[in-house]
Protein backbone atom coordinates (compact mmCIF):
# COMPACT_ATOMS: atom_id res chain seq x y z
CA MET A 1 0.19 120.69 120.48
CA GLY A 2 0.96 122.79 117.36
CA PHE A 3 0.27 122.06 113.72
CA LYS A 4 3.74 120.74 112.83
CA THR A 5 3.93 118.67 116.00
CA ALA A 6 0.62 117.06 115.30
CA ILE A 7 1.51 116.08 111.79
CA ASP A 8 4.84 114.69 112.96
CA THR A 9 3.12 112.81 115.59
CA CYS A 10 0.40 111.34 113.36
CA LEU A 11 2.57 110.57 110.36
CA ARG A 12 5.91 109.54 111.94
CA ARG A 13 5.85 108.79 115.51
CA LYS A 14 2.31 107.10 115.81
CA TYR A 15 1.62 106.23 112.21
CA LEU A 16 0.08 102.87 113.22
CA ASP A 17 -0.43 103.45 116.86
CA PHE A 18 -4.06 102.77 117.88
CA SER A 19 -3.41 102.82 121.61
CA GLY A 20 -3.28 105.83 123.86
CA ARG A 21 -5.03 109.15 123.40
CA ALA A 22 -4.90 112.08 121.03
CA SER A 23 -5.80 115.64 122.10
CA ARG A 24 -8.31 117.79 120.07
CA SER A 25 -5.46 119.74 118.61
CA GLU A 26 -3.64 116.73 117.39
CA TYR A 27 -6.76 115.33 115.70
CA TRP A 28 -8.02 118.47 114.16
CA TYR A 29 -4.58 119.67 112.87
CA TYR A 30 -4.03 116.23 111.25
CA ILE A 31 -7.56 116.60 109.63
CA LEU A 32 -6.67 120.14 108.42
CA ALA A 33 -3.47 118.91 106.91
CA TYR A 34 -5.34 115.86 105.35
CA LEU A 35 -7.78 118.30 103.76
CA ILE A 36 -5.02 120.71 102.44
CA GLY A 37 -3.23 117.61 101.06
CA SER A 38 -6.38 116.46 99.34
CA ILE A 39 -6.83 119.81 97.71
CA VAL A 40 -3.29 119.88 96.50
CA VAL A 41 -3.56 116.20 95.18
CA SER A 42 -6.91 117.29 93.33
CA LEU A 43 -5.28 120.23 91.81
CA VAL A 44 -2.20 118.19 90.61
CA GLY A 45 -4.58 115.48 89.38
CA GLY A 46 -6.64 118.02 87.41
CA ILE A 47 -3.38 119.06 85.68
CA LEU A 48 -2.30 115.51 85.10
CA GLY A 49 -5.58 114.31 83.71
CA ALA A 50 -8.36 112.16 84.96
CA ARG A 51 -6.56 108.79 84.87
CA ALA A 52 -3.48 110.05 86.55
CA GLY A 53 -5.49 112.10 89.00
CA SER A 54 -7.49 109.03 90.09
CA VAL A 55 -4.32 107.03 90.52
CA LEU A 56 -2.67 109.95 92.54
CA SER A 57 -5.84 110.36 94.60
CA GLY A 58 -6.01 106.66 95.29
CA ILE A 59 -2.36 106.43 96.44
CA TYR A 60 -2.87 109.50 98.70
CA SER A 61 -5.95 107.96 100.31
CA LEU A 62 -4.32 104.46 100.79
CA ALA A 63 -1.22 106.04 102.30
CA LEU A 64 -3.17 108.04 104.84
CA PHE A 65 -6.00 105.50 105.58
CA LEU A 66 -4.24 103.85 108.56
CA PRO A 67 -2.90 106.92 110.24
CA SER A 68 -6.30 108.58 109.87
CA LEU A 69 -7.91 105.66 111.51
CA ALA A 70 -5.25 105.51 114.18
CA VAL A 71 -5.69 109.21 115.16
CA LEU A 72 -9.42 108.80 115.11
CA VAL A 73 -9.30 105.75 117.51
CA ARG A 74 -6.77 107.65 119.76
CA ARG A 75 -9.19 110.74 119.81
CA LEU A 76 -12.08 108.45 120.73
CA HIS A 77 -9.88 107.07 123.51
CA ASP A 78 -9.31 110.63 124.77
CA THR A 79 -13.03 110.95 125.44
CA ASN A 80 -13.01 107.66 127.17
CA HIS A 81 -14.84 105.83 124.33
CA SER A 82 -13.86 102.61 122.60
CA GLY A 83 -12.19 102.96 119.16
CA TRP A 84 -14.79 100.56 117.95
CA TRP A 85 -17.23 103.39 117.70
CA ALA A 86 -15.32 104.29 114.49
CA ALA A 87 -16.65 101.13 113.01
CA GLY A 88 -20.25 102.48 113.02
CA GLY A 89 -19.85 104.35 109.75
CA CYS A 90 -18.62 101.12 108.06
CA VAL A 91 -21.61 99.12 109.38
CA LEU A 92 -24.08 101.79 108.21
CA ALA A 93 -22.43 101.87 104.74
CA ALA A 94 -22.47 98.11 104.46
CA ALA A 95 -26.13 97.97 105.37
CA ALA A 96 -26.91 100.63 102.81
CA PHE A 97 -24.94 98.78 100.16
CA ILE A 98 -26.85 95.51 100.91
CA ILE A 99 -30.22 97.30 100.91
CA LEU A 100 -29.26 98.87 97.56
CA ILE A 101 -28.25 95.56 95.98
CA GLY A 102 -31.46 94.02 97.24
CA ALA A 103 -33.54 96.89 95.72
CA LEU A 104 -31.70 96.39 92.39
CA LEU A 105 -32.52 92.66 92.36
CA MET A 106 -36.00 92.79 93.76
CA GLY A 107 -37.31 96.14 92.98
CA ALA A 108 -37.44 99.25 95.07
CA GLY A 109 -40.59 98.45 97.25
CA ALA A 110 -39.73 98.37 100.98
CA SER A 111 -36.08 99.22 100.47
CA SER A 112 -36.82 102.96 100.06
CA ALA A 113 -38.23 102.97 103.70
CA LEU A 114 -35.09 101.08 104.90
CA MET A 115 -32.81 103.54 103.10
CA MET A 116 -34.64 106.42 104.83
CA ILE A 117 -34.23 104.85 108.23
CA LEU A 118 -30.51 104.19 107.45
CA GLY A 119 -30.24 107.86 106.45
CA VAL A 120 -31.58 108.99 109.65
CA LEU A 121 -29.31 106.65 111.59
CA SER A 122 -26.37 107.76 109.58
CA ILE A 123 -27.15 111.43 110.49
CA VAL A 124 -27.56 110.55 114.15
CA TYR A 125 -24.31 108.59 114.18
CA GLY A 126 -22.43 111.37 112.37
CA LEU A 127 -23.69 114.00 114.81
CA TRP A 128 -22.66 111.73 117.77
CA MET A 129 -19.20 111.25 116.29
CA LEU A 130 -18.80 115.03 115.75
CA PHE A 131 -19.88 115.58 119.34
CA LEU A 132 -17.19 113.11 120.57
CA LEU A 133 -14.49 114.47 118.39
CA VAL A 134 -14.92 118.09 119.49
CA SER A 135 -15.53 117.29 123.11
CA LYS A 136 -12.85 117.83 125.77
CA GLY A 137 -10.90 114.75 126.67
CA THR A 138 -11.10 113.03 129.90
CA VAL A 139 -9.10 115.13 132.48
CA GLY A 140 -6.34 112.99 133.98
CA PRO A 141 -5.63 109.32 133.06
CA ASN A 142 -8.46 107.10 131.85
CA ARG A 143 -8.57 103.47 130.74
CA TYR A 144 -6.65 104.27 127.62
CA GLY A 145 -3.75 106.12 129.05
CA ALA A 146 -2.48 109.36 130.39
CA ASP A 147 -3.94 112.74 129.52
CA PRO A 148 -2.23 113.98 126.40
CA LEU A 149 -2.45 117.54 127.69
CA GLU A 150 -0.37 116.53 130.76
CA THR A 151 2.20 114.59 128.93
CA PRO A 152 4.89 115.26 126.34
CA ALA A 153 3.91 114.51 122.79
CA ASP A 154 6.60 112.07 122.15
CA VAL A 155 5.42 109.67 124.91
């Protein structure tokens, strides 16, 4: 799948589609486009000023949150993994937030050790996710659908 087709698939045809599979090219071309868009939004925001830039950045992030999550879930499906693996980062972030609030309310004490453990878990989780996202998808159909490399992109 080429760059233009990947963007069209993620932002038009499968904007809110959490089912099926996404090839590596679909996922990584989408991520590239997202990063290019982020740079453009940051540059425009810098010209417009801090307040307008923050609003513009927020709108951009909100508009692309669901399609980003959808293509991530479909990419995980391509490696025959549940889309729920994507929730791991949210769980780790929530745990860090709770520990941070506890540290602020009760003093640092044991929370620094917990934050260190959470940091290590976050690194391990991030490396695992990166491994899944760069891995070849399952050859042929899997429990999430047909192989995206064997089917047309508009299916």
